Every structure is written in C-alpha cells, then in structure tokens.
Amino acid sequence: MTVERIVRIIAGFFIMLSLTLAHFSGSIDMTQISWAWFTAFVGFNLFQSGLTRFCPMDIMLKKAGVKSGCGL
C-alpha cells in the first residue's frame, strides 16, 4: 500500500468521523437534505478510493489531459 492510498483512507475516515460526531452532538442534522451530504460523499469517496484504487475524479482528470506522477 502506498503513502497516497493511506492518506486517502485516513482523510476520508476523518471527514466521515467529523460528520458523525457533529451529527450526534447536535451541530448538524444528517437526517435532512443539506450540503453536509456532499461532504459525506467526498469523505466516502476518498476512503473507498484508498481501498479500491477507483476514483472518478482521477478518471476525469486523465481524460482532460492532466498528467499523473509525483512531480517532485
């Protein structure tokens, strides 16, 4: 597993964890339609892309001609 995949998994996990904690503390209501669901989608997508290596944004950027690589 690469550093980039681990970072995606951890970042996605912390986004979903923060939304869960905010929901149960009463800061946000995830039972209602809100922009928090978009944040949940991004967090879940980060998490699953770290595990499965499938990322829709990666596909779109490659089709747009963006080169992949480290660039350091």
Protein backbone atom coordinates (compact mmCIF):
# COMPACT_ATOMS: atom_id res chain seq x y z
CA MET A 1 0.00 0.00 0.00
CA THR A 2 1.36 3.43 -0.93
CA VAL A 3 1.50 6.59 1.15
CA GLU A 4 -1.03 8.25 -1.19
CA ARG A 5 -3.56 5.45 -0.64
CA ILE A 6 -3.09 5.54 3.13
CA VAL A 7 -3.54 9.33 3.13
CA ARG A 8 -6.81 8.97 1.17
CA ILE A 9 -8.09 6.34 3.60
CA ILE A 10 -7.22 8.41 6.67
CA ALA A 11 -8.56 11.66 5.20
CA GLY A 12 -11.84 10.04 4.19
CA PHE A 13 -12.18 8.39 7.58
CA PHE A 14 -11.65 11.67 9.44
CA ILE A 15 -14.15 13.53 7.25
CA MET A 16 -16.81 10.88 7.90
CA LEU A 17 -15.90 10.74 11.60
CA SER A 18 -16.23 14.52 11.97
CA LEU A 19 -19.66 14.47 10.30
CA THR A 20 -20.77 11.61 12.54
CA LEU A 21 -19.58 13.40 15.68
CA ALA A 22 -21.21 16.66 14.55
CA HIS A 23 -24.48 14.82 13.92
CA PHE A 24 -24.56 13.09 17.29
CA SER A 25 -23.53 16.24 19.17
CA GLY A 26 -26.42 18.12 17.56
CA SER A 27 -24.31 20.50 15.46
CA ILE A 28 -25.75 19.24 12.17
CA ASP A 29 -28.78 17.15 11.26
CA MET A 30 -27.82 14.46 8.77
CA THR A 31 -31.46 13.33 8.52
CA GLN A 32 -32.20 16.46 6.47
CA ILE A 33 -31.01 17.28 2.95
CA SER A 34 -28.02 19.61 3.29
CA TRP A 35 -24.56 20.37 1.95
CA ALA A 36 -23.19 18.10 4.67
CA TRP A 37 -24.21 15.17 2.47
CA PHE A 38 -21.84 16.44 -0.23
CA THR A 39 -19.07 16.43 2.38
CA ALA A 40 -20.04 12.89 3.34
CA PHE A 41 -19.85 11.85 -0.33
CA VAL A 42 -16.36 13.33 -0.68
CA GLY A 43 -15.20 11.64 2.53
CA PHE A 44 -16.61 8.28 1.50
CA ASN A 45 -15.10 8.60 -1.98
CA LEU A 46 -11.67 9.37 -0.50
CA PHE A 47 -11.95 6.37 1.79
CA GLN A 48 -13.09 3.91 -0.86
CA SER A 49 -10.58 5.16 -3.46
CA GLY A 50 -7.80 4.46 -0.99
CA LEU A 51 -9.04 0.90 -0.61
CA THR A 52 -10.10 0.10 -4.19
CA ARG A 53 -7.94 2.48 -6.29
CA PHE A 54 -11.12 3.57 -8.14
CA CYS A 55 -11.50 7.35 -8.18
CA PRO A 56 -13.93 9.11 -10.54
CA MET A 57 -12.02 12.41 -10.28
CA ASP A 58 -8.81 10.62 -11.28
CA ILE A 59 -10.56 9.30 -14.40
CA MET A 60 -11.96 12.73 -15.32
CA LEU A 61 -8.61 14.46 -14.88
CA LYS A 62 -6.82 11.87 -17.03
CA LYS A 63 -9.44 12.32 -19.77
CA ALA A 64 -8.88 16.08 -19.53
CA GLY A 65 -5.20 15.52 -20.29
CA VAL A 66 -3.71 16.04 -16.84
CA LYS A 67 -0.54 14.01 -16.44
CA SER A 68 -0.11 11.72 -13.46
CA GLY A 69 3.08 11.49 -11.44
CA CYS A 70 4.82 12.77 -8.38
CA GLY A 71 6.34 15.92 -9.85
CA LEU A 72 8.87 16.38 -7.05
